[in-house]
Amino acid sequence: MADEDVDFLPGDGPTSGISVTLSAGTLQAIRERVGKRGVSAYLEKAAQRQIERDNLDELIADFDEVYGPADPEAVAAKRARLTGGASNAGAAA
């Protein structure tokens, strides 16, 4: 059975080599962080994070379609509570 016939989750399954084109500045920044031998692993993790973000964006869009957009004041209050911002002044510690 070929790998194309199997559904793998991001990060699972065998590795496969591909060609990727990056701007010189992006590649330089990656190599400065991880060295020449860490580029593939870095790009794998970056791709996994982007897939997670895309999935989350789709989930939020679906939620908004069903329930409408989130109340900006409620979002700001929850953000302040999570980050210890000024809107948290009246909350118990």
PDB file of N, CA and C in Angstrom:
ATOM      1  N   MET A   1       0.853  -1.178   0.000  1.00  0.00           N
ATOM      2  CA  MET A   1       0.000   0.000   0.000  1.00  0.00           C
ATOM      3  C   MET A   1       0.897   1.238   0.000  1.00  0.00           C
ATOM      4  N   ALA A   2       0.637   2.189  -0.881  1.00  0.00           N
ATOM      5  CA  ALA A   2       1.442   3.411  -0.986  1.00  0.00           C
ATOM      6  C   ALA A   2       1.057   4.389   0.115  1.00  0.00           C
ATOM      7  N   ASP A   3       2.016   5.244   0.511  1.00  0.00           N
ATOM      8  CA  ASP A   3       1.764   6.233   1.557  1.00  0.00           C
ATOM      9  C   ASP A   3       0.628   7.178   1.183  1.00  0.00           C
ATOM     10  N   GLU A   4       0.414   7.420  -0.138  1.00  0.00           N
ATOM     11  CA  GLU A   4      -0.649   8.317  -0.565  1.00  0.00           C
ATOM     12  C   GLU A   4      -2.023   7.763  -0.226  1.00  0.00           C
ATOM     13  N   ASP A   5      -2.121   6.452   0.006  1.00  0.00           N
ATOM     14  CA  ASP A   5      -3.393   5.815   0.315  1.00  0.00           C
ATOM     15  C   ASP A   5      -3.729   5.870   1.797  1.00  0.00           C
ATOM     16  N   VAL A   6      -2.807   6.373   2.618  1.00  0.00           N
ATOM     17  CA  VAL A   6      -2.992   6.399   4.066  1.00  0.00           C
ATOM     18  C   VAL A   6      -3.119   7.850   4.516  1.00  0.00           C
ATOM     19  N   ASP A   7      -4.072   8.110   5.393  1.00  0.00           N
ATOM     20  CA  ASP A   7      -4.213   9.449   5.961  1.00  0.00           C
ATOM     21  C   ASP A   7      -3.355   9.553   7.211  1.00  0.00           C
ATOM     22  N   PHE A   8      -2.383  10.461   7.193  1.00  0.00           N
ATOM     23  CA  PHE A   8      -1.522  10.712   8.343  1.00  0.00           C
ATOM     24  C   PHE A   8      -1.898  12.054   8.952  1.00  0.00           C
ATOM     25  N   LEU A   9      -1.780  12.150  10.252  1.00  0.00           N
ATOM     26  CA  LEU A   9      -1.930  13.434  10.922  1.00  0.00           C
ATOM     27  C   LEU A   9      -0.645  14.226  10.756  1.00  0.00           C
ATOM     28  N   PRO A  10      -0.701  15.557  10.840  1.00  0.00           N
ATOM     29  CA  PRO A  10       0.534  16.345  10.759  1.00  0.00           C
ATOM     30  C   PRO A  10       1.561  15.847  11.780  1.00  0.00           C
ATOM     31  N   GLY A  11       2.773  15.617  11.321  1.00  0.00           N
ATOM     32  CA  GLY A  11       3.843  15.136  12.183  1.00  0.00           C
ATOM     33  C   GLY A  11       3.976  13.627  12.222  1.00  0.00           C
ATOM     34  N   ASP A  12       2.998  12.903  11.671  1.00  0.00           N
ATOM     35  CA  ASP A  12       3.036  11.439  11.667  1.00  0.00           C
ATOM     36  C   ASP A  12       3.448  10.924  10.295  1.00  0.00           C
ATOM     37  N   GLY A  13       3.858   9.657  10.252  1.00  0.00           N
ATOM     38  CA  GLY A  13       4.177   9.006   8.996  1.00  0.00           C
ATOM     39  C   GLY A  13       5.635   9.144   8.639  1.00  0.00           C
ATOM     40  N   PRO A  14       6.007   8.495   7.550  1.00  0.00           N
ATOM     41  CA  PRO A  14       7.404   8.558   7.111  1.00  0.00           C
ATOM     42  C   PRO A  14       7.742   9.944   6.569  1.00  0.00           C
ATOM     43  N   THR A  15       9.019  10.254   6.553  1.00  0.00           N
ATOM     44  CA  THR A  15       9.438  11.537   5.981  1.00  0.00           C
ATOM     45  C   THR A  15       9.554  11.416   4.475  1.00  0.00           C
ATOM     46  N   SER A  16       9.491  12.556   3.816  1.00  0.00           N
ATOM     47  CA  SER A  16       9.597  12.592   2.373  1.00  0.00           C
ATOM     48  C   SER A  16      10.320  13.866   1.988  1.00  0.00           C
ATOM     49  N   GLY A  17      11.279  13.757   1.099  1.00  0.00           N
ATOM     50  CA  GLY A  17      12.030  14.931   0.665  1.00  0.00           C
ATOM     51  C   GLY A  17      11.281  15.702  -0.411  1.00  0.00           C
ATOM     52  N   ILE A  18      11.308  17.014  -0.295  1.00  0.00           N
ATOM     53  CA  ILE A  18      10.723  17.884  -1.304  1.00  0.00           C
ATOM     54  C   ILE A  18      11.673  19.067  -1.523  1.00  0.00           C
ATOM     55  N   SER A  19      11.408  19.844  -2.535  1.00  0.00           N
ATOM     56  CA  SER A  19      12.171  21.057  -2.769  1.00  0.00           C
ATOM     57  C   SER A  19      11.336  22.238  -2.312  1.00  0.00           C
ATOM     58  N   VAL A  20      11.936  23.134  -1.538  1.00  0.00           N
ATOM     59  CA  VAL A  20      11.242  24.311  -1.024  1.00  0.00           C
ATOM     60  C   VAL A  20      12.062  25.537  -1.384  1.00  0.00           C
ATOM     61  N   THR A  21      11.401  26.564  -1.852  1.00  0.00           N
ATOM     62  CA  THR A  21      12.076  27.807  -2.182  1.00  0.00           C
ATOM     63  C   THR A  21      11.744  28.851  -1.128  1.00  0.00           C
ATOM     64  N   LEU A  22      12.784  29.423  -0.528  1.00  0.00           N
ATOM     65  CA  LEU A  22      12.624  30.452   0.493  1.00  0.00           C
ATOM     66  C   LEU A  22      13.426  31.675   0.094  1.00  0.00           C
ATOM     67  N   SER A  23      13.014  32.827   0.580  1.00  0.00           N
ATOM     68  CA  SER A  23      13.832  34.016   0.339  1.00  0.00           C
ATOM     69  C   SER A  23      15.128  33.867   1.119  1.00  0.00           C
ATOM     70  N   ALA A  24      16.184  34.508   0.636  1.00  0.00           N
ATOM     71  CA  ALA A  24      17.500  34.399   1.274  1.00  0.00           C
ATOM     72  C   ALA A  24      17.446  34.854   2.726  1.00  0.00           C
ATOM     73  N   GLY A  25      16.705  35.913   2.996  1.00  0.00           N
ATOM     74  CA  GLY A  25      16.616  36.422   4.361  1.00  0.00           C
ATOM     75  C   GLY A  25      15.932  35.449   5.311  1.00  0.00           C
ATOM     76  N   THR A  26      14.877  34.803   4.827  1.00  0.00           N
ATOM     77  CA  THR A  26      14.173  33.815   5.659  1.00  0.00           C
ATOM     78  C   THR A  26      15.077  32.632   5.956  1.00  0.00           C
ATOM     79  N   LEU A  27      15.747  32.119   4.936  1.00  0.00           N
ATOM     80  CA  LEU A  27      16.639  30.986   5.130  1.00  0.00           C
ATOM     81  C   LEU A  27      17.784  31.348   6.072  1.00  0.00           C
ATOM     82  N   GLN A  28      18.327  32.530   5.907  1.00  0.00           N
ATOM     83  CA  GLN A  28      19.411  32.973   6.790  1.00  0.00           C
ATOM     84  C   GLN A  28      18.933  33.037   8.237  1.00  0.00           C
ATOM     85  N   ALA A  29      17.741  33.580   8.465  1.00  0.00           N
ATOM     86  CA  ALA A  29      17.206  33.683   9.826  1.00  0.00           C
ATOM     87  C   ALA A  29      17.000  32.300  10.436  1.00  0.00           C
ATOM     88  N   ILE A  30      16.514  31.352   9.642  1.00  0.00           N
ATOM     89  CA  ILE A  30      16.315  29.987  10.141  1.00  0.00           C
ATOM     90  C   ILE A  30      17.657  29.365  10.496  1.00  0.00           C
ATOM     91  N   ARG A  31      18.627  29.476   9.605  1.00  0.00           N
ATOM     92  CA  ARG A  31      19.949  28.882   9.863  1.00  0.00           C
ATOM     93  C   ARG A  31      20.631  29.509  11.070  1.00  0.00           C
ATOM     94  N   GLU A  32      20.412  30.798  11.296  1.00  0.00           N
ATOM     95  CA  GLU A  32      20.984  31.439  12.478  1.00  0.00           C
ATOM     96  C   GLU A  32      20.379  30.871  13.757  1.00  0.00           C
ATOM     97  N   ARG A  33      19.134  30.441  13.683  1.00  0.00           N
ATOM     98  CA  ARG A  33      18.463  29.875  14.851  1.00  0.00           C
ATOM     99  C   ARG A  33      18.826  28.410  15.084  1.00  0.00           C
ATOM    100  N   VAL A  34      18.905  27.632  13.998  1.00  0.00           N
ATOM    101  CA  VAL A  34      19.002  26.181  14.166  1.00  0.00           C
ATOM    102  C   VAL A  34      20.213  25.553  13.489  1.00  0.00           C
ATOM    103  N   GLY A  35      20.989  26.317  12.754  1.00  0.00           N
ATOM    104  CA  GLY A  35      22.115  25.750  12.017  1.00  0.00           C
ATOM    105  C   GLY A  35      21.654  25.081  10.744  1.00  0.00           C
ATOM    106  N   LYS A  36      22.621  24.703   9.896  1.00  0.00           N
ATOM    107  CA  LYS A  36      22.295  24.099   8.606  1.00  0.00           C
ATOM    108  C   LYS A  36      21.547  22.774   8.746  1.00  0.00           C
ATOM    109  N   ARG A  37      21.868  21.997   9.766  1.00  0.00           N
ATOM    110  CA  ARG A  37      21.293  20.660   9.900  1.00  0.00           C
ATOM    111  C   ARG A  37      19.933  20.666  10.583  1.00  0.00           C
ATOM    112  N   GLY A  38      19.480  21.823  11.049  1.00  0.00           N
ATOM    113  CA  GLY A  38      18.187  21.881  11.728  1.00  0.00           C
ATOM    114  C   GLY A  38      17.075  22.487  10.894  1.00  0.00           C
ATOM    115  N   VAL A  39      17.373  22.830   9.647  1.00  0.00           N
ATOM    116  CA  VAL A  39      16.389  23.529   8.815  1.00  0.00           C
ATOM    117  C   VAL A  39      15.140  22.674   8.574  1.00  0.00           C
ATOM    118  N   SER A  40      15.293  21.424   8.213  1.00  0.00           N
ATOM    119  CA  SER A  40      14.136  20.571   7.921  1.00  0.00           C
ATOM    120  C   SER A  40      13.232  20.421   9.134  1.00  0.00           C
ATOM    121  N   ALA A  41      13.812  20.167  10.294  1.00  0.00           N
ATOM    122  CA  ALA A  41      13.003  20.022  11.514  1.00  0.00           C
ATOM    123  C   ALA A  41      12.288  21.325  11.845  1.00  0.00           C
ATOM    124  N   TYR A  42      12.978  22.451  11.645  1.00  0.00           N
ATOM    125  CA  TYR A  42      12.377  23.754  11.912  1.00  0.00           C
ATOM    126  C   TYR A  42      11.174  23.988  10.987  1.00  0.00           C
ATOM    127  N   LEU A  43      11.354  23.699   9.705  1.00  0.00           N
ATOM    128  CA  LEU A  43      10.268  23.883   8.755  1.00  0.00           C
ATOM    129  C   LEU A  43       9.113  22.919   9.017  1.00  0.00           C
ATOM    130  N   GLU A  44       9.411  21.708   9.448  1.00  0.00           N
ATOM    131  CA  GLU A  44       8.361  20.737   9.811  1.00  0.00           C
ATOM    132  C   GLU A  44       7.503  21.294  10.941  1.00  0.00           C
ATOM    133  N   LYS A  45       8.153  21.793  11.987  1.00  0.00           N
ATOM    134  CA  LYS A  45       7.414  22.360  13.126  1.00  0.00           C
ATOM    135  C   LYS A  45       6.626  23.595  12.711  1.00  0.00           C
ATOM    136  N   ALA A  46       7.221  24.443  11.871  1.00  0.00           N
ATOM    137  CA  ALA A  46       6.533  25.649  11.404  1.00  0.00           C
ATOM    138  C   ALA A  46       5.290  25.276  10.597  1.00  0.00           C
ATOM    139  N   ALA A  47       5.409  24.270   9.746  1.00  0.00           N
ATOM    140  CA  ALA A  47       4.271  23.825   8.949  1.00  0.00           C
ATOM    141  C   ALA A  47       3.173  23.255   9.853  1.00  0.00           C
ATOM    142  N   GLN A  48       3.559  22.482  10.873  1.00  0.00           N
ATOM    143  CA  GLN A  48       2.574  21.937  11.802  1.00  0.00           C
ATOM    144  C   GLN A  48       1.830  23.055  12.532  1.00  0.00           C
ATOM    145  N   ARG A  49       2.576  24.079  12.978  1.00  0.00           N
ATOM    146  CA  ARG A  49       1.930  25.207  13.658  1.00  0.00           C
ATOM    147  C   ARG A  49       0.980  25.940  12.718  1.00  0.00           C
ATOM    148  N   GLN A  50       1.372  26.097  11.455  1.00  0.00           N
ATOM    149  CA  GLN A  50       0.491  26.786  10.507  1.00  0.00           C
ATOM    150  C   GLN A  50      -0.778  25.982  10.261  1.00  0.00           C
ATOM    151  N   ILE A  51      -0.658  24.667  10.155  1.00  0.00           N
ATOM    152  CA  ILE A  51      -1.839  23.814   9.984  1.00  0.00           C
ATOM    153  C   ILE A  51      -2.764  23.964  11.191  1.00  0.00           C
ATOM    154  N   GLU A  52      -2.199  23.988  12.406  1.00  0.00           N
ATOM    155  CA  GLU A  52      -3.012  24.191  13.609  1.00  0.00           C
ATOM    156  C   GLU A  52      -3.734  25.536  13.556  1.00  0.00           C
ATOM    157  N   ARG A  53      -3.030  26.586  13.136  1.00  0.00           N
ATOM    158  CA  ARG A  53      -3.633  27.919  13.032  1.00  0.00           C
ATOM    159  C   ARG A  53      -4.743  27.929  11.984  1.00  0.00           C
ATOM    160  N   ASP A  54      -4.501  27.293  10.836  1.00  0.00           N
ATOM    161  CA  ASP A  54      -5.521  27.228   9.791  1.00  0.00           C
ATOM    162  C   ASP A  54      -6.765  26.499  10.296  1.00  0.00           C
ATOM    163  N   ASN A  55      -6.553  25.376  10.992  1.00  0.00           N
ATOM    164  CA  ASN A  55      -7.681  24.624  11.548  1.00  0.00           C
ATOM    165  C   ASN A  55      -8.445  25.463  12.566  1.00  0.00           C
ATOM    166  N   LEU A  56      -7.733  26.206  13.395  1.00  0.00           N
ATOM    167  CA  LEU A  56      -8.379  27.064  14.382  1.00  0.00           C
ATOM    168  C   LEU A  56      -9.168  28.181  13.693  1.00  0.00           C
ATOM    169  N   ASP A  57      -8.586  28.782  12.650  1.00  0.00           N
ATOM    170  CA  ASP A  57      -9.298  29.814  11.892  1.00  0.00           C
ATOM    171  C   ASP A  57     -10.605  29.264  11.312  1.00  0.00           C
ATOM    172  N   GLU A  58     -10.557  28.035  10.782  1.00  0.00           N
ATOM    173  CA  GLU A  58     -11.762  27.410  10.236  1.00  0.00           C
ATOM    174  C   GLU A  58     -12.787  27.156  11.333  1.00  0.00           C
ATOM    175  N   LEU A  59     -12.336  26.712  12.491  1.00  0.00           N
ATOM    176  CA  LEU A  59     -13.238  26.463  13.618  1.00  0.00           C
ATOM    177  C   LEU A  59     -13.906  27.754  14.075  1.00  0.00           C
ATOM    178  N   ILE A  60     -13.127  28.841  14.170  1.00  0.00           N
ATOM    179  CA  ILE A  60     -13.676  30.134  14.567  1.00  0.00           C
ATOM    180  C   ILE A  60     -14.679  30.633  13.528  1.00  0.00           C
ATOM    181  N   ALA A  61     -14.367  30.477  12.254  1.00  0.00           N
ATOM    182  CA  ALA A  61     -15.284  30.900  11.193  1.00  0.00           C
ATOM    183  C   ALA A  61     -16.593  30.120  11.274  1.00  0.00           C
ATOM    184  N   ASP A  62     -16.506  28.815  11.519  1.00  0.00           N
ATOM    185  CA  ASP A  62     -17.710  27.996  11.668  1.00  0.00           C
ATOM    186  C   ASP A  62     -18.525  28.452  12.877  1.00  0.00           C
ATOM    187  N   PHE A  63     -17.848  28.727  13.978  1.00  0.00           N
ATOM    188  CA  PHE A  63     -18.523  29.190  15.198  1.00  0.00           C
ATOM    189  C   PHE A  63     -19.225  30.522  14.926  1.00  0.00           C
ATOM    190  N   ASP A  64     -18.500  31.463  14.280  1.00  0.00           N
ATOM    191  CA  ASP A  64     -19.073  32.768  13.973  1.00  0.00           C
ATOM    192  C   ASP A  64     -20.295  32.649  13.071  1.00  0.00           C
ATOM    193  N   GLU A  65     -20.250  31.689  12.125  1.00  0.00           N
ATOM    194  CA  GLU A  65     -21.371  31.492  11.219  1.00  0.00           C
ATOM    195  C   GLU A  65     -22.618  31.028  11.979  1.00  0.00           C
ATOM    196  N   VAL A  66     -22.413  30.192  12.979  1.00  0.00           N
ATOM    197  CA  VAL A  66     -23.541  29.660  13.743  1.00  0.00           C
ATOM    198  C   VAL A  66     -24.014  30.641  14.814  1.00  0.00           C
ATOM    199  N   TYR A  67     -23.062  31.234  15.566  1.00  0.00           N
ATOM    200  CA  TYR A  67     -23.409  32.033  16.739  1.00  0.00           C
ATOM    201  C   TYR A  67     -23.176  33.535  16.576  1.00  0.00           C
ATOM    202  N   GLY A  68     -22.602  33.944  15.464  1.00  0.00           N
ATOM    203  CA  GLY A  68     -22.266  35.348  15.278  1.00  0.00           C
ATOM    204  C   GLY A  68     -20.896  35.636  15.871  1.00  0.00           C
ATOM    205  N   PRO A  69     -20.344  36.807  15.535  1.00  0.00           N
ATOM    206  CA  PRO A  69     -19.002  37.140  16.034  1.00  0.00           C
ATOM    207  C   PRO A  69     -18.990  37.335  17.546  1.00  0.00           C
ATOM    208  N   ALA A  70     -17.824  37.116  18.120  1.00  0.00           N
ATOM    209  CA  ALA A  70     -17.658  37.286  19.565  1.00  0.00           C
ATOM    210  C   ALA A  70     -17.789  38.761  19.935  1.00  0.00           C
ATOM    211  N   ASP A  71     -18.301  39.010  21.128  1.00  0.00           N
ATOM    212  CA  ASP A  71     -18.436  40.368  21.651  1.00  0.00           C
ATOM    213  C   ASP A  71     -17.043  40.913  21.964  1.00  0.00           C
ATOM    214  N   PRO A  72     -16.621  42.009  21.308  1.00  0.00           N
ATOM    215  CA  PRO A  72     -15.267  42.542  21.529  1.00  0.00           C
ATOM    216  C   PRO A  72     -14.977  42.891  22.987  1.00  0.00           C
ATOM    217  N   GLU A  73     -15.970  43.380  23.723  1.00  0.00           N
ATOM    218  CA  GLU A  73     -15.755  43.720  25.132  1.00  0.00           C
ATOM    219  C   GLU A  73     -15.523  42.465  25.968  1.00  0.00           C
ATOM    220  N   ALA A  74     -16.273  41.406  25.675  1.00  0.00           N
ATOM    221  CA  ALA A  74     -16.079  40.150  26.401  1.00  0.00           C
ATOM    222  C   ALA A  74     -14.706  39.560  26.092  1.00  0.00           C
ATOM    223  N   VAL A  75     -14.282  39.654  24.839  1.00  0.00           N
ATOM    224  CA  VAL A  75     -12.961  39.151  24.452  1.00  0.00           C
ATOM    225  C   VAL A  75     -11.879  39.946  25.178  1.00  0.00           C
ATOM    226  N   ALA A  76     -12.027  41.275  25.213  1.00  0.00           N
ATOM    227  CA  ALA A  76     -11.039  42.121  25.887  1.00  0.00           C
ATOM    228  C   ALA A  76     -10.977  41.801  27.375  1.00  0.00           C
ATOM    229  N   ALA A  77     -12.117  41.577  27.997  1.00  0.00           N
ATOM    230  CA  ALA A  77     -12.144  41.251  29.424  1.00  0.00           C
ATOM    231  C   ALA A  77     -11.469  39.914  29.699  1.00  0.00           C
ATOM    232  N   LYS A  78     -11.745  38.925  28.860  1.00  0.00           N
ATOM    233  CA  LYS A  78     -11.111  37.607  29.048  1.00  0.00           C
ATOM    234  C   LYS A  78      -9.611  37.679  28.780  1.00  0.00           C
ATOM    235  N   ARG A  79      -9.205  38.455  27.755  1.00  0.00           N
ATOM    236  CA  ARG A  79      -7.783  38.620  27.468  1.00  0.00           C
ATOM    237  C   ARG A  79      -7.081  39.275  28.658  1.00  0.00           C
ATOM    238  N   ALA A  80      -7.697  40.302  29.217  1.00  0.00           N
ATOM    239  CA  ALA A  80      -7.118  40.987  30.373  1.00  0.00           C
ATOM    240  C   ALA A  80      -7.005  40.036  31.565  1.00  0.00           C
ATOM    241  N   ARG A  81      -8.006  39.207  31.742  1.00  0.00           N
ATOM    242  CA  ARG A  81      -7.974  38.236  32.847  1.00  0.00           C
ATOM    243  C   ARG A  81      -6.839  37.228  32.658  1.00  0.00           C
ATOM    244  N   LEU A  82      -6.665  36.775  31.421  1.00  0.00           N
ATOM    245  CA  LEU A  82      -5.613  35.794  31.137  1.00  0.00           C
ATOM    246  C   LEU A  82      -4.209  36.404  31.241  1.00  0.00           C
ATOM    247  N   THR A  83      -4.073  37.665  30.853  1.00  0.00           N
ATOM    248  CA  THR A  83      -2.764  38.289  30.825  1.00  0.00           C
ATOM    249  C   THR A  83      -2.483  39.194  32.001  1.00  0.00           C
ATOM    250  N   GLY A  84      -3.445  39.317  32.922  1.00  0.00           N
ATOM    251  CA  GLY A  84      -3.244  40.179  34.088  1.00  0.00           C
ATOM    252  C   GLY A  84      -3.369  41.657  33.759  1.00  0.00           C
ATOM    253  N   GLY A  85      -4.155  41.991  32.729  1.00  0.00           N
ATOM    254  CA  GLY A  85      -4.317  43.383  32.310  1.00  0.00           C
ATOM    255  C   GLY A  85      -5.224  44.168  33.241  1.00  0.00           C
ATOM    256  N   ALA A  86      -5.439  45.432  32.915  1.00  0.00           N
ATOM    257  CA  ALA A  86      -6.178  46.373  33.746  1.00  0.00           C
ATOM    258  C   ALA A  86      -7.624  45.966  33.960  1.00  0.00           C
ATOM    259  N   SER A  87      -8.277  45.300  32.997  1.00  0.00           N
ATOM    260  CA  SER A  87      -9.670  44.915  33.148  1.00  0.00           C
ATOM    261  C   SER A  87      -9.856  43.874  34.242  1.00  0.00           C
ATOM    262  N   ASN A  88      -8.782  43.379  34.812  1.00  0.00           N
ATOM    263  CA  ASN A  88      -8.813  42.350  35.850  1.00  0.00           C
ATOM    264  C   ASN A  88      -8.871  42.960  37.241  1.00  0.00           C
ATOM    265  N   ALA A  89      -8.953  44.280  37.370  1.00  0.00           N
ATOM    266  CA  ALA A  89      -8.827  44.961  38.660  1.00  0.00           C
ATOM    267  C   ALA A  89      -9.855  44.499  39.667  1.00  0.00           C
ATOM    268  N   GLY A  90     -11.090  44.236  39.249  1.00  0.00           N
ATOM    269  CA  GLY A  90     -12.123  43.868  40.207  1.00  0.00           C
ATOM    270  C   GLY A  90     -12.202  42.390  40.515  1.00  0.00           C
ATOM    271  N   ALA A  91     -11.447  41.590  39.841  1.00  0.00           N
ATOM    272  CA  ALA A  91     -11.522  40.129  40.026  1.00  0.00           C
ATOM    273  C   ALA A  91     -10.718  39.691  41.242  1.00  0.00           C
ATOM    274  N   ALA A  92     -11.205  38.647  41.873  1.00  0.00           N
ATOM    275  CA  ALA A  92     -10.500  38.080  43.030  1.00  0.00           C
ATOM    276  C   ALA A  92      -9.262  37.321  42.550  1.00  0.00           C
ATOM    277  N   ALA A  93      -8.216  37.358  43.344  1.00  0.00           N
ATOM    278  CA  ALA A  93      -6.974  36.666  42.959  1.00  0.00           C
ATOM    279  C   ALA A  93      -7.032  35.204  43.262  1.00  0.00           C
TER     280      ALA A  93
END
